[in-house]
Amino acid sequence: MLASSPNNMHRKQFIIQSALAQARRLREAYGTPQVIGLSIYETDADLRQLRPEDGPNATTTQQRRIVDAVATALRADGHLVKLVTLRVVDYLKWLTETGKANTPAHRAEWINWNTTQ
């Protein structure tokens, strides 16, 4: 799917709105801006391996456009943002050490842990 297609644009807006809602809940709960970690991937193969839900044609270019748009929206809303490169070797090692599976929740946990490092 092309990055500029209507379906992808709708998906990007949905992701931005979801990220803003989650960040606002954090701010309401803790009263101060939290550092929001957003994942980026080194290669298309890494992205496809670790985010199979994005499909076999997902690219880091498409993913980075979305991440950049989310980061811009979060910063405009007063949130702190840190881009965290999800390195396959490090992430898979962490999964093995913790006995966890590759899921969106565990990726978020890993990104959050690496945001605070």
PDB file of N, CA and C in Angstrom:
ATOM      1  N   MET A   1       0.844  -1.181   0.000  1.00  0.00           N
ATOM      2  CA  MET A   1       0.000   0.000   0.000  1.00  0.00           C
ATOM      3  C   MET A   1       0.889   1.245   0.000  1.00  0.00           C
ATOM      4  N   LEU A   2       0.594   2.201  -0.823  1.00  0.00           N
ATOM      5  CA  LEU A   2       1.382   3.418  -0.889  1.00  0.00           C
ATOM      6  C   LEU A   2       1.115   4.296   0.323  1.00  0.00           C
ATOM      7  N   ALA A   3       2.139   5.015   0.757  1.00  0.00           N
ATOM      8  CA  ALA A   3       2.027   5.865   1.937  1.00  0.00           C
ATOM      9  C   ALA A   3       0.965   6.934   1.779  1.00  0.00           C
ATOM     10  N   SER A   4       0.669   7.354   0.557  1.00  0.00           N
ATOM     11  CA  SER A   4      -0.290   8.428   0.354  1.00  0.00           C
ATOM     12  C   SER A   4      -1.699   7.928   0.040  1.00  0.00           C
ATOM     13  N   SER A   5      -1.927   6.635   0.062  1.00  0.00           N
ATOM     14  CA  SER A   5      -3.250   6.116  -0.251  1.00  0.00           C
ATOM     15  C   SER A   5      -4.244   6.499   0.840  1.00  0.00           C
ATOM     16  N   PRO A   6      -5.537   6.608   0.502  1.00  0.00           N
ATOM     17  CA  PRO A   6      -6.543   7.001   1.491  1.00  0.00           C
ATOM     18  C   PRO A   6      -6.585   6.075   2.708  1.00  0.00           C
ATOM     19  N   ASN A   7      -6.456   4.758   2.497  1.00  0.00           N
ATOM     20  CA  ASN A   7      -6.487   3.837   3.623  1.00  0.00           C
ATOM     21  C   ASN A   7      -5.327   4.080   4.575  1.00  0.00           C
ATOM     22  N   ASN A   8      -4.139   4.317   4.018  1.00  0.00           N
ATOM     23  CA  ASN A   8      -2.973   4.558   4.857  1.00  0.00           C
ATOM     24  C   ASN A   8      -3.081   5.898   5.573  1.00  0.00           C
ATOM     25  N   MET A   9      -3.638   6.915   4.908  1.00  0.00           N
ATOM     26  CA  MET A   9      -3.820   8.219   5.543  1.00  0.00           C
ATOM     27  C   MET A   9      -4.807   8.097   6.706  1.00  0.00           C
ATOM     28  N   HIS A  10      -5.869   7.334   6.515  1.00  0.00           N
ATOM     29  CA  HIS A  10      -6.840   7.114   7.586  1.00  0.00           C
ATOM     30  C   HIS A  10      -6.174   6.376   8.749  1.00  0.00           C
ATOM     31  N   ARG A  11      -5.384   5.368   8.429  1.00  0.00           N
ATOM     32  CA  ARG A  11      -4.676   4.603   9.461  1.00  0.00           C
ATOM     33  C   ARG A  11      -3.720   5.505  10.241  1.00  0.00           C
ATOM     34  N   LYS A  12      -3.001   6.387   9.525  1.00  0.00           N
ATOM     35  CA  LYS A  12      -2.058   7.280  10.177  1.00  0.00           C
ATOM     36  C   LYS A  12      -2.796   8.215  11.140  1.00  0.00           C
ATOM     37  N   GLN A  13      -3.928   8.773  10.718  1.00  0.00           N
ATOM     38  CA  GLN A  13      -4.701   9.660  11.594  1.00  0.00           C
ATOM     39  C   GLN A  13      -5.211   8.911  12.817  1.00  0.00           C
ATOM     40  N   PHE A  14      -5.644   7.670  12.624  1.00  0.00           N
ATOM     41  CA  PHE A  14      -6.104   6.853  13.741  1.00  0.00           C
ATOM     42  C   PHE A  14      -4.963   6.621  14.741  1.00  0.00           C
ATOM     43  N   ILE A  15      -3.777   6.314  14.227  1.00  0.00           N
ATOM     44  CA  ILE A  15      -2.620   6.074  15.091  1.00  0.00           C
ATOM     45  C   ILE A  15      -2.259   7.344  15.860  1.00  0.00           C
ATOM     46  N   ILE A  16      -2.264   8.484  15.172  1.00  0.00           N
ATOM     47  CA  ILE A  16      -1.952   9.753  15.829  1.00  0.00           C
ATOM     48  C   ILE A  16      -2.952  10.040  16.939  1.00  0.00           C
ATOM     49  N   GLN A  17      -4.226   9.906  16.651  1.00  0.00           N
ATOM     50  CA  GLN A  17      -5.252  10.190  17.656  1.00  0.00           C
ATOM     51  C   GLN A  17      -5.156   9.226  18.847  1.00  0.00           C
ATOM     52  N   SER A  18      -4.863   7.966  18.578  1.00  0.00           N
ATOM     53  CA  SER A  18      -4.702   6.988  19.660  1.00  0.00           C
ATOM     54  C   SER A  18      -3.504   7.332  20.533  1.00  0.00           C
ATOM     55  N   ALA A  19      -2.391   7.706  19.901  1.00  0.00           N
ATOM     56  CA  ALA A  19      -1.185   8.071  20.658  1.00  0.00           C
ATOM     57  C   ALA A  19      -1.438   9.304  21.514  1.00  0.00           C
ATOM     58  N   LEU A  20      -2.116  10.291  20.955  1.00  0.00           N
ATOM     59  CA  LEU A  20      -2.435  11.498  21.732  1.00  0.00           C
ATOM     60  C   LEU A  20      -3.320  11.167  22.927  1.00  0.00           C
ATOM     61  N   ALA A  21      -4.314  10.328  22.722  1.00  0.00           N
ATOM     62  CA  ALA A  21      -5.218   9.955  23.815  1.00  0.00           C
ATOM     63  C   ALA A  21      -4.456   9.232  24.927  1.00  0.00           C
ATOM     64  N   GLN A  22      -3.573   8.315  24.551  1.00  0.00           N
ATOM     65  CA  GLN A  22      -2.795   7.588  25.558  1.00  0.00           C
ATOM     66  C   GLN A  22      -1.851   8.523  26.302  1.00  0.00           C
ATOM     67  N   ALA A  23      -1.197   9.417  25.580  1.00  0.00           N
ATOM     68  CA  ALA A  23      -0.266  10.357  26.209  1.00  0.00           C
ATOM     69  C   ALA A  23      -1.007  11.307  27.151  1.00  0.00           C
ATOM     70  N   ARG A  24      -2.186  11.739  26.764  1.00  0.00           N
ATOM     71  CA  ARG A  24      -2.983  12.615  27.635  1.00  0.00           C
ATOM     72  C   ARG A  24      -3.418  11.896  28.899  1.00  0.00           C
ATOM     73  N   ARG A  25      -3.746  10.614  28.778  1.00  0.00           N
ATOM     74  CA  ARG A  25      -4.097   9.832  29.979  1.00  0.00           C
ATOM     75  C   ARG A  25      -2.902   9.740  30.922  1.00  0.00           C
ATOM     76  N   LEU A  26      -1.709   9.542  30.377  1.00  0.00           N
ATOM     77  CA  LEU A  26      -0.501   9.518  31.213  1.00  0.00           C
ATOM     78  C   LEU A  26      -0.295  10.847  31.919  1.00  0.00           C
ATOM     79  N   ARG A  27      -0.472  11.931  31.173  1.00  0.00           N
ATOM     80  CA  ARG A  27      -0.284  13.260  31.762  1.00  0.00           C
ATOM     81  C   ARG A  27      -1.308  13.513  32.860  1.00  0.00           C
ATOM     82  N   GLU A  28      -2.543  13.099  32.641  1.00  0.00           N
ATOM     83  CA  GLU A  28      -3.582  13.264  33.667  1.00  0.00           C
ATOM     84  C   GLU A  28      -3.276  12.420  34.897  1.00  0.00           C
ATOM     85  N   ALA A  29      -2.783  11.219  34.689  1.00  0.00           N
ATOM     86  CA  ALA A  29      -2.507  10.310  35.801  1.00  0.00           C
ATOM     87  C   ALA A  29      -1.299  10.741  36.624  1.00  0.00           C
ATOM     88  N   TYR A  30      -0.269  11.281  35.960  1.00  0.00           N
ATOM     89  CA  TYR A  30       0.982  11.580  36.653  1.00  0.00           C
ATOM     90  C   TYR A  30       1.255  13.072  36.809  1.00  0.00           C
ATOM     91  N   GLY A  31       0.478  13.914  36.143  1.00  0.00           N
ATOM     92  CA  GLY A  31       0.580  15.348  36.336  1.00  0.00           C
ATOM     93  C   GLY A  31       1.759  16.038  35.675  1.00  0.00           C
ATOM     94  N   THR A  32       2.667  15.294  35.115  1.00  0.00           N
ATOM     95  CA  THR A  32       3.800  15.898  34.423  1.00  0.00           C
ATOM     96  C   THR A  32       3.950  15.214  33.074  1.00  0.00           C
ATOM     97  N   PRO A  33       4.586  15.883  32.148  1.00  0.00           N
ATOM     98  CA  PRO A  33       4.799  15.216  30.856  1.00  0.00           C
ATOM     99  C   PRO A  33       5.677  13.981  31.032  1.00  0.00           C
ATOM    100  N   GLN A  34       5.252  12.906  30.445  1.00  0.00           N
ATOM    101  CA  GLN A  34       6.030  11.676  30.460  1.00  0.00           C
ATOM    102  C   GLN A  34       6.803  11.592  29.150  1.00  0.00           C
ATOM    103  N   VAL A  35       7.935  10.929  29.182  1.00  0.00           N
ATOM    104  CA  VAL A  35       8.675  10.692  27.942  1.00  0.00           C
ATOM    105  C   VAL A  35       7.992   9.534  27.226  1.00  0.00           C
ATOM    106  N   ILE A  36       7.554   9.799  26.023  1.00  0.00           N
ATOM    107  CA  ILE A  36       6.857   8.797  25.219  1.00  0.00           C
ATOM    108  C   ILE A  36       7.876   8.197  24.251  1.00  0.00           C
ATOM    109  N   GLY A  37       8.095   6.904  24.362  1.00  0.00           N
ATOM    110  CA  GLY A  37       9.012   6.216  23.464  1.00  0.00           C
ATOM    111  C   GLY A  37       8.290   5.718  22.222  1.00  0.00           C
ATOM    112  N   LEU A  38       8.853   5.997  21.077  1.00  0.00           N
ATOM    113  CA  LEU A  38       8.313   5.512  19.809  1.00  0.00           C
ATOM    114  C   LEU A  38       9.374   4.670  19.120  1.00  0.00           C
ATOM    115  N   SER A  39       8.963   3.526  18.615  1.00  0.00           N
ATOM    116  CA  SER A  39       9.935   2.613  18.020  1.00  0.00           C
ATOM    117  C   SER A  39      10.177   2.911  16.549  1.00  0.00           C
ATOM    118  N   ILE A  40      11.446   2.765  16.181  1.00  0.00           N
ATOM    119  CA  ILE A  40      11.845   2.807  14.785  1.00  0.00           C
ATOM    120  C   ILE A  40      12.674   1.554  14.527  1.00  0.00           C
ATOM    121  N   TYR A  41      12.742   1.165  13.274  1.00  0.00           N
ATOM    122  CA  TYR A  41      13.404  -0.088  12.904  1.00  0.00           C
ATOM    123  C   TYR A  41      14.545   0.200  11.946  1.00  0.00           C
ATOM    124  N   GLU A  42      15.594  -0.612  12.031  1.00  0.00           N
ATOM    125  CA  GLU A  42      16.778  -0.400  11.202  1.00  0.00           C
ATOM    126  C   GLU A  42      16.569  -0.820   9.751  1.00  0.00           C
ATOM    127  N   THR A  43      15.866  -1.925   9.537  1.00  0.00           N
ATOM    128  CA  THR A  43      15.691  -2.438   8.178  1.00  0.00           C
ATOM    129  C   THR A  43      14.249  -2.878   7.956  1.00  0.00           C
ATOM    130  N   ASP A  44      13.872  -2.986   6.693  1.00  0.00           N
ATOM    131  CA  ASP A  44      12.550  -3.507   6.350  1.00  0.00           C
ATOM    132  C   ASP A  44      12.374  -4.923   6.891  1.00  0.00           C
ATOM    133  N   ALA A  45      13.434  -5.730   6.798  1.00  0.00           N
ATOM    134  CA  ALA A  45      13.359  -7.116   7.289  1.00  0.00           C
ATOM    135  C   ALA A  45      13.101  -7.143   8.797  1.00  0.00           C
ATOM    136  N   ASP A  46      13.755  -6.243   9.537  1.00  0.00           N
ATOM    137  CA  ASP A  46      13.515  -6.161  10.987  1.00  0.00           C
ATOM    138  C   ASP A  46      12.062  -5.809  11.268  1.00  0.00           C
ATOM    139  N   LEU A  47      11.565  -4.809  10.558  1.00  0.00           N
ATOM    140  CA  LEU A  47      10.178  -4.377  10.738  1.00  0.00           C
ATOM    141  C   LEU A  47       9.210  -5.519  10.466  1.00  0.00           C
ATOM    142  N   ARG A  48       9.416  -6.207   9.357  1.00  0.00           N
ATOM    143  CA  ARG A  48       8.503  -7.299   8.989  1.00  0.00           C
ATOM    144  C   ARG A  48       8.591  -8.473   9.952  1.00  0.00           C
ATOM    145  N   GLN A  49       9.791  -8.732  10.465  1.00  0.00           N
ATOM    146  CA  GLN A  49       9.958  -9.833  11.426  1.00  0.00           C
ATOM    147  C   GLN A  49       9.279  -9.511  12.754  1.00  0.00           C
ATOM    148  N   LEU A  50       9.455  -8.290  13.229  1.00  0.00           N
ATOM    149  CA  LEU A  50       8.978  -7.943  14.564  1.00  0.00           C
ATOM    150  C   LEU A  50       7.564  -7.383  14.582  1.00  0.00           C
ATOM    151  N   ARG A  51       7.070  -6.912  13.444  1.00  0.00           N
ATOM    152  CA  ARG A  51       5.705  -6.387  13.359  1.00  0.00           C
ATOM    153  C   ARG A  51       4.954  -7.088  12.225  1.00  0.00           C
ATOM    154  N   PRO A  52       4.755  -8.389  12.357  1.00  0.00           N
ATOM    155  CA  PRO A  52       4.076  -9.111  11.274  1.00  0.00           C
ATOM    156  C   PRO A  52       2.663  -8.583  11.024  1.00  0.00           C
ATOM    157  N   GLU A  53       2.082  -7.951  12.010  1.00  0.00           N
ATOM    158  CA  GLU A  53       0.729  -7.406  11.852  1.00  0.00           C
ATOM    159  C   GLU A  53       0.679  -6.263  10.829  1.00  0.00           C
ATOM    160  N   ASP A  54       1.839  -5.703  10.472  1.00  0.00           N
ATOM    161  CA  ASP A  54       1.888  -4.642   9.462  1.00  0.00           C
ATOM    162  C   ASP A  54       1.894  -5.192   8.039  1.00  0.00           C
ATOM    163  N   GLY A  55       2.038  -6.500   7.899  1.00  0.00           N
ATOM    164  CA  GLY A  55       1.968  -7.120   6.583  1.00  0.00           C
ATOM    165  C   GLY A  55       3.327  -7.317   5.936  1.00  0.00           C
ATOM    166  N   PRO A  56       3.367  -8.155   4.910  1.00  0.00           N
ATOM    167  CA  PRO A  56       4.633  -8.530   4.262  1.00  0.00           C
ATOM    168  C   PRO A  56       5.255  -7.420   3.415  1.00  0.00           C
ATOM    169  N   ASN A  57       4.512  -6.360   3.146  1.00  0.00           N
ATOM    170  CA  ASN A  57       5.034  -5.275   2.313  1.00  0.00           C
ATOM    171  C   ASN A  57       5.388  -4.030   3.123  1.00  0.00           C
ATOM    172  N   ALA A  58       5.345  -4.130   4.435  1.00  0.00           N
ATOM    173  CA  ALA A  58       5.654  -2.973   5.273  1.00  0.00           C
ATOM    174  C   ALA A  58       7.102  -2.537   5.051  1.00  0.00           C
ATOM    175  N   THR A  59       7.317  -1.233   5.070  1.00  0.00           N
ATOM    176  CA  THR A  59       8.670  -0.711   4.899  1.00  0.00           C
ATOM    177  C   THR A  59       9.001   0.262   6.026  1.00  0.00           C
ATOM    178  N   THR A  60      10.282   0.399   6.282  1.00  0.00           N
ATOM    179  CA  THR A  60      10.718   1.341   7.309  1.00  0.00           C
ATOM    180  C   THR A  60      10.396   2.774   6.888  1.00  0.00           C
ATOM    181  N   THR A  61      10.366   3.035   5.602  1.00  0.00           N
ATOM    182  CA  THR A  61      10.015   4.377   5.123  1.00  0.00           C
ATOM    183  C   THR A  61       8.573   4.717   5.501  1.00  0.00           C
ATOM    184  N   GLN A  62       7.659   3.797   5.252  1.00  0.00           N
ATOM    185  CA  GLN A  62       6.256   4.017   5.634  1.00  0.00           C
ATOM    186  C   GLN A  62       6.122   4.158   7.140  1.00  0.00           C
ATOM    187  N   GLN A  63       6.776   3.249   7.873  1.00  0.00           N
ATOM    188  CA  GLN A  63       6.682   3.265   9.328  1.00  0.00           C
ATOM    189  C   GLN A  63       7.264   4.553   9.885  1.00  0.00           C
ATOM    190  N   ARG A  64       8.368   5.014   9.325  1.00  0.00           N
ATOM    191  CA  ARG A  64       9.012   6.232   9.814  1.00  0.00           C
ATOM    192  C   ARG A  64       8.147   7.467   9.557  1.00  0.00           C
ATOM    193  N   ARG A  65       7.432   7.492   8.439  1.00  0.00           N
ATOM    194  CA  ARG A  65       6.511   8.613   8.171  1.00  0.00           C
ATOM    195  C   ARG A  65       5.444   8.686   9.259  1.00  0.00           C
ATOM    196  N   ILE A  66       4.923   7.534   9.619  1.00  0.00           N
ATOM    197  CA  ILE A  66       3.896   7.496  10.660  1.00  0.00           C
ATOM    198  C   ILE A  66       4.489   7.909  12.001  1.00  0.00           C
ATOM    199  N   VAL A  67       5.643   7.357  12.345  1.00  0.00           N
ATOM    200  CA  VAL A  67       6.293   7.694  13.618  1.00  0.00           C
ATOM    201  C   VAL A  67       6.608   9.188  13.682  1.00  0.00           C
ATOM    202  N   ASP A  68       7.107   9.748  12.597  1.00  0.00           N
ATOM    203  CA  ASP A  68       7.416  11.181  12.581  1.00  0.00           C
ATOM    204  C   ASP A  68       6.156  12.021  12.767  1.00  0.00           C
ATOM    205  N   ALA A  69       5.052  11.615  12.144  1.00  0.00           N
ATOM    206  CA  ALA A  69       3.786  12.344  12.299  1.00  0.00           C
ATOM    207  C   ALA A  69       3.275  12.243  13.731  1.00  0.00           C
ATOM    208  N   VAL A  70       3.389  11.059  14.323  1.00  0.00           N
ATOM    209  CA  VAL A  70       2.973  10.878  15.718  1.00  0.00           C
ATOM    210  C   VAL A  70       3.849  11.727  16.639  1.00  0.00           C
ATOM    211  N   ALA A  71       5.150  11.696  16.427  1.00  0.00           N
ATOM    212  CA  ALA A  71       6.074  12.479  17.258  1.00  0.00           C
ATOM    213  C   ALA A  71       5.760  13.968  17.158  1.00  0.00           C
ATOM    214  N   THR A  72       5.504  14.452  15.960  1.00  0.00           N
ATOM    215  CA  THR A  72       5.170  15.864  15.760  1.00  0.00           C
ATOM    216  C   THR A  72       3.891  16.232  16.511  1.00  0.00           C
ATOM    217  N   ALA A  73       2.879  15.392  16.396  1.00  0.00           N
ATOM    218  CA  ALA A  73       1.606  15.661  17.088  1.00  0.00           C
ATOM    219  C   ALA A  73       1.782  15.631  18.606  1.00  0.00           C
ATOM    220  N   LEU A  74       2.541  14.661  19.106  1.00  0.00           N
ATOM    221  CA  LEU A  74       2.770  14.569  20.551  1.00  0.00           C
ATOM    222  C   LEU A  74       3.531  15.794  21.065  1.00  0.00           C
ATOM    223  N   ARG A  75       4.570  16.179  20.353  1.00  0.00           N
ATOM    224  CA  ARG A  75       5.352  17.356  20.771  1.00  0.00           C
ATOM    225  C   ARG A  75       4.498  18.618  20.737  1.00  0.00           C
ATOM    226  N   ALA A  76       3.662  18.757  19.717  1.00  0.00           N
ATOM    227  CA  ALA A  76       2.780  19.924  19.610  1.00  0.00           C
ATOM    228  C   ALA A  76       1.788  19.970  20.770  1.00  0.00           C
ATOM    229  N   ASP A  77       1.480  18.813  21.323  1.00  0.00           N
ATOM    230  CA  ASP A  77       0.556  18.713  22.458  1.00  0.00           C
ATOM    231  C   ASP A  77       1.298  18.814  23.795  1.00  0.00           C
ATOM    232  N   GLY A  78       2.598  19.082  23.757  1.00  0.00           N
ATOM    233  CA  GLY A  78       3.367  19.297  24.976  1.00  0.00           C
ATOM    234  C   GLY A  78       4.029  18.069  25.575  1.00  0.00           C
ATOM    235  N   HIS A  79       4.081  16.994  24.835  1.00  0.00           N
ATOM    236  CA  HIS A  79       4.687  15.769  25.344  1.00  0.00           C
ATOM    237  C   HIS A  79       6.148  15.669  24.923  1.00  0.00           C
ATOM    238  N   LEU A  80       6.904  14.942  25.704  1.00  0.00           N
ATOM    239  CA  LEU A  80       8.301  14.661  25.391  1.00  0.00           C
ATOM    240  C   LEU A  80       8.356  13.345  24.618  1.00  0.00           C
ATOM    241  N   VAL A  81       9.156  13.292  23.574  1.00  0.00           N
ATOM    242  CA  VAL A  81       9.213  12.105  22.716  1.00  0.00           C
ATOM    243  C   VAL A  81      10.655  11.661  22.557  1.00  0.00           C
ATOM    244  N   LYS A  82      10.855  10.347  22.641  1.00  0.00           N
ATOM    245  CA  LYS A  82      12.167   9.764  22.378  1.00  0.00           C
ATOM    246  C   LYS A  82      11.986   8.646  21.355  1.00  0.00           C
ATOM    247  N   LEU A  83      12.728   8.730  20.255  1.00  0.00           N
ATOM    248  CA  LEU A  83      12.713   7.654  19.263  1.00  0.00           C
ATOM    249  C   LEU A  83      13.701   6.593  19.698  1.00  0.00           C
ATOM    250  N   VAL A  84      13.238   5.358  19.737  1.00  0.00           N
ATOM    251  CA  VAL A  84      14.060   4.243  20.184  1.00  0.00           C
ATOM    252  C   VAL A  84      14.174   3.236  19.043  1.00  0.00           C
ATOM    253  N   THR A  85      15.400   2.962  18.632  1.00  0.00           N
ATOM    254  CA  THR A  85      15.614   1.968  17.582  1.00  0.00           C
ATOM    255  C   THR A  85      15.443   0.578  18.180  1.00  0.00           C
ATOM    256  N   LEU A  86      14.516  -0.170  17.615  1.00  0.00           N
ATOM    257  CA  LEU A  86      14.286  -1.534  18.073  1.00  0.00           C
ATOM    258  C   LEU A  86      15.237  -2.430  17.290  1.00  0.00           C
ATOM    259  N   ARG A  87      16.331  -2.789  17.949  1.00  0.00           N
ATOM    260  CA  ARG A  87      17.340  -3.647  17.319  1.00  0.00           C
ATOM    261  C   ARG A  87      16.968  -5.105  17.555  1.00  0.00           C
ATOM    262  N   VAL A  88      16.882  -5.854  16.478  1.00  0.00           N
ATOM    263  CA  VAL A  88      16.411  -7.237  16.533  1.00  0.00           C
ATOM    264  C   VAL A  88      17.200  -8.070  17.533  1.00  0.00           C
ATOM    265  N   VAL A  89      18.515  -8.023  17.475  1.00  0.00           N
ATOM    266  CA  VAL A  89      19.340  -8.855  18.352  1.00  0.00           C
ATOM    267  C   VAL A  89      19.045  -8.549  19.827  1.00  0.00           C
ATOM    268  N   ASP A  90      19.005  -7.265  20.174  1.00  0.00           N
ATOM    269  CA  ASP A  90      18.759  -6.876  21.561  1.00  0.00           C
ATOM    270  C   ASP A  90      17.356  -7.261  22.016  1.00  0.00           C
ATOM    271  N   TYR A  91      16.384  -7.008  21.162  1.00  0.00           N
ATOM    272  CA  TYR A  91      15.001  -7.308  21.508  1.00  0.00           C
ATOM    273  C   TYR A  91      14.771  -8.813  21.656  1.00  0.00           C
ATOM    274  N   LEU A  92      15.279  -9.601  20.704  1.00  0.00           N
ATOM    275  CA  LEU A  92      15.096 -11.059  20.793  1.00  0.00           C
ATOM    276  C   LEU A  92      15.820 -11.633  22.010  1.00  0.00           C
ATOM    277  N   LYS A  93      16.978 -11.071  22.342  1.00  0.00           N
ATOM    278  CA  LYS A  93      17.684 -11.505  23.551  1.00  0.00           C
ATOM    279  C   LYS A  93      16.827 -11.227  24.781  1.00  0.00           C
ATOM    280  N   TRP A  94      16.232 -10.037  24.846  1.00  0.00           N
ATOM    281  CA  TRP A  94      15.363  -9.664  25.966  1.00  0.00           C
ATOM    282  C   TRP A  94      14.160 -10.601  26.044  1.00  0.00           C
ATOM    283  N   LEU A  95      13.552 -10.905  24.883  1.00  0.00           N
ATOM    284  CA  LEU A  95      12.423 -11.837  24.880  1.00  0.00           C
ATOM    285  C   LEU A  95      12.832 -13.193  25.446  1.00  0.00           C
ATOM    286  N   THR A  96      13.992 -13.692  25.038  1.00  0.00           N
ATOM    287  CA  THR A  96      14.478 -14.981  25.515  1.00  0.00           C
ATOM    288  C   THR A  96      14.736 -14.941  27.021  1.00  0.00           C
ATOM    289  N   GLU A  97      15.390 -13.887  27.471  1.00  0.00           N
ATOM    290  CA  GLU A  97      15.715 -13.762  28.898  1.00  0.00           C
ATOM    291  C   GLU A  97      14.473 -13.657  29.769  1.00  0.00           C
ATOM    292  N   THR A  98      13.426 -13.023  29.260  1.00  0.00           N
ATOM    293  CA  THR A  98      12.211 -12.821  30.055  1.00  0.00           C
ATOM    294  C   THR A  98      11.148 -13.881  29.797  1.00  0.00           C
ATOM    295  N   GLY A  99      11.380 -14.732  28.795  1.00  0.00           N
ATOM    296  CA  GLY A  99      10.404 -15.771  28.471  1.00  0.00           C
ATOM    297  C   GLY A  99       9.139 -15.215  27.831  1.00  0.00           C
ATOM    298  N   LYS A 100       9.256 -14.059  27.206  1.00  0.00           N
ATOM    299  CA  LYS A 100       8.086 -13.419  26.597  1.00  0.00           C
ATOM    300  C   LYS A 100       8.054 -13.679  25.099  1.00  0.00           C
ATOM    301  N   ALA A 101       6.869 -13.529  24.539  1.00  0.00           N
ATOM    302  CA  ALA A 101       6.673 -13.671  23.093  1.00  0.00           C
ATOM    303  C   ALA A 101       6.707 -12.296  22.442  1.00  0.00           C
ATOM    304  N   ASN A 102       6.934 -12.279  21.142  1.00  0.00           N
ATOM    305  CA  ASN A 102       6.899 -11.026  20.388  1.00  0.00           C
ATOM    306  C   ASN A 102       5.446 -10.622  20.177  1.00  0.00           C
ATOM    307  N   THR A 103       4.979  -9.677  20.970  1.00  0.00           N
ATOM    308  CA  THR A 103       3.621  -9.146  20.850  1.00  0.00           C
ATOM    309  C   THR A 103       3.696  -7.623  20.867  1.00  0.00           C
ATOM    310  N   PRO A 104       2.654  -6.953  20.409  1.00  0.00           N
ATOM    311  CA  PRO A 104       2.659  -5.490  20.499  1.00  0.00           C
ATOM    312  C   PRO A 104       2.856  -4.995  21.939  1.00  0.00           C
ATOM    313  N   ALA A 105       2.254  -5.666  22.897  1.00  0.00           N
ATOM    314  CA  ALA A 105       2.397  -5.247  24.304  1.00  0.00           C
ATOM    315  C   ALA A 105       3.831  -5.404  24.792  1.00  0.00           C
ATOM    316  N   HIS A 106       4.480  -6.498  24.416  1.00  0.00           N
ATOM    317  CA  HIS A 106       5.859  -6.700  24.857  1.00  0.00           C
ATOM    318  C   HIS A 106       6.824  -5.768  24.127  1.00  0.00           C
ATOM    319  N   ARG A 107       6.532  -5.461  22.859  1.00  0.00           N
ATOM    320  CA  ARG A 107       7.363  -4.456  22.173  1.00  0.00           C
ATOM    321  C   ARG A 107       7.231  -3.110  22.877  1.00  0.00           C
ATOM    322  N   ALA A 108       6.016  -2.754  23.256  1.00  0.00           N
ATOM    323  CA  ALA A 108       5.798  -1.490  23.973  1.00  0.00           C
ATOM    324  C   ALA A 108       6.540  -1.497  25.305  1.00  0.00           C
ATOM    325  N   GLU A 109       6.523  -2.624  25.989  1.00  0.00           N
ATOM    326  CA  GLU A 109       7.243  -2.740  27.258  1.00  0.00           C
ATOM    327  C   GLU A 109       8.750  -2.550  27.041  1.00  0.00           C
ATOM    328  N   TRP A 110       9.292  -3.181  25.992  1.00  0.00           N
ATOM    329  CA  TRP A 110      10.718  -3.056  25.695  1.00  0.00           C
ATOM    330  C   TRP A 110      11.067  -1.615  25.334  1.00  0.00           C
ATOM    331  N   ILE A 111      10.233  -0.992  24.516  1.00  0.00           N
ATOM    332  CA  ILE A 111      10.463   0.405  24.128  1.00  0.00           C
ATOM    333  C   ILE A 111      10.403   1.297  25.367  1.00  0.00           C
ATOM    334  N   ASN A 112       9.421   1.077  26.234  1.00  0.00           N
ATOM    335  CA  ASN A 112       9.309   1.866  27.451  1.00  0.00           C
ATOM    336  C   ASN A 112      10.548   1.706  28.316  1.00  0.00           C
ATOM    337  N   TRP A 113      11.015   0.470  28.479  1.00  0.00           N
ATOM    338  CA  TRP A 113      12.227   0.213  29.271  1.00  0.00           C
ATOM    339  C   TRP A 113      13.416   0.941  28.675  1.00  0.00           C
ATOM    340  N   ASN A 114      13.533   0.926  27.344  1.00  0.00           N
ATOM    341  CA  ASN A 114      14.653   1.584  26.673  1.00  0.00           C
ATOM    342  C   ASN A 114      14.510   3.090  26.610  1.00  0.00           C
ATOM    343  N   THR A 115      13.303   3.584  26.798  1.00  0.00           N
ATOM    344  CA  THR A 115      13.086   5.035  26.837  1.00  0.00           C
ATOM    345  C   THR A 115      13.665   5.626  28.112  1.00  0.00           C
ATOM    346  N   THR A 116      13.638   4.846  29.172  1.00  0.00           N
ATOM    347  CA  THR A 116      14.088   5.360  30.465  1.00  0.00           C
ATOM    348  C   THR A 116      15.585   5.136  30.685  1.00  0.00           C
ATOM    349  N   GLN A 117      16.265   4.475  29.768  1.00  0.00           N
ATOM    350  CA  GLN A 117      17.685   4.191  29.904  1.00  0.00           C
ATOM    351  C   GLN A 117      18.519   5.390  29.497  1.00  0.00           C
TER     352      GLN A 117
END
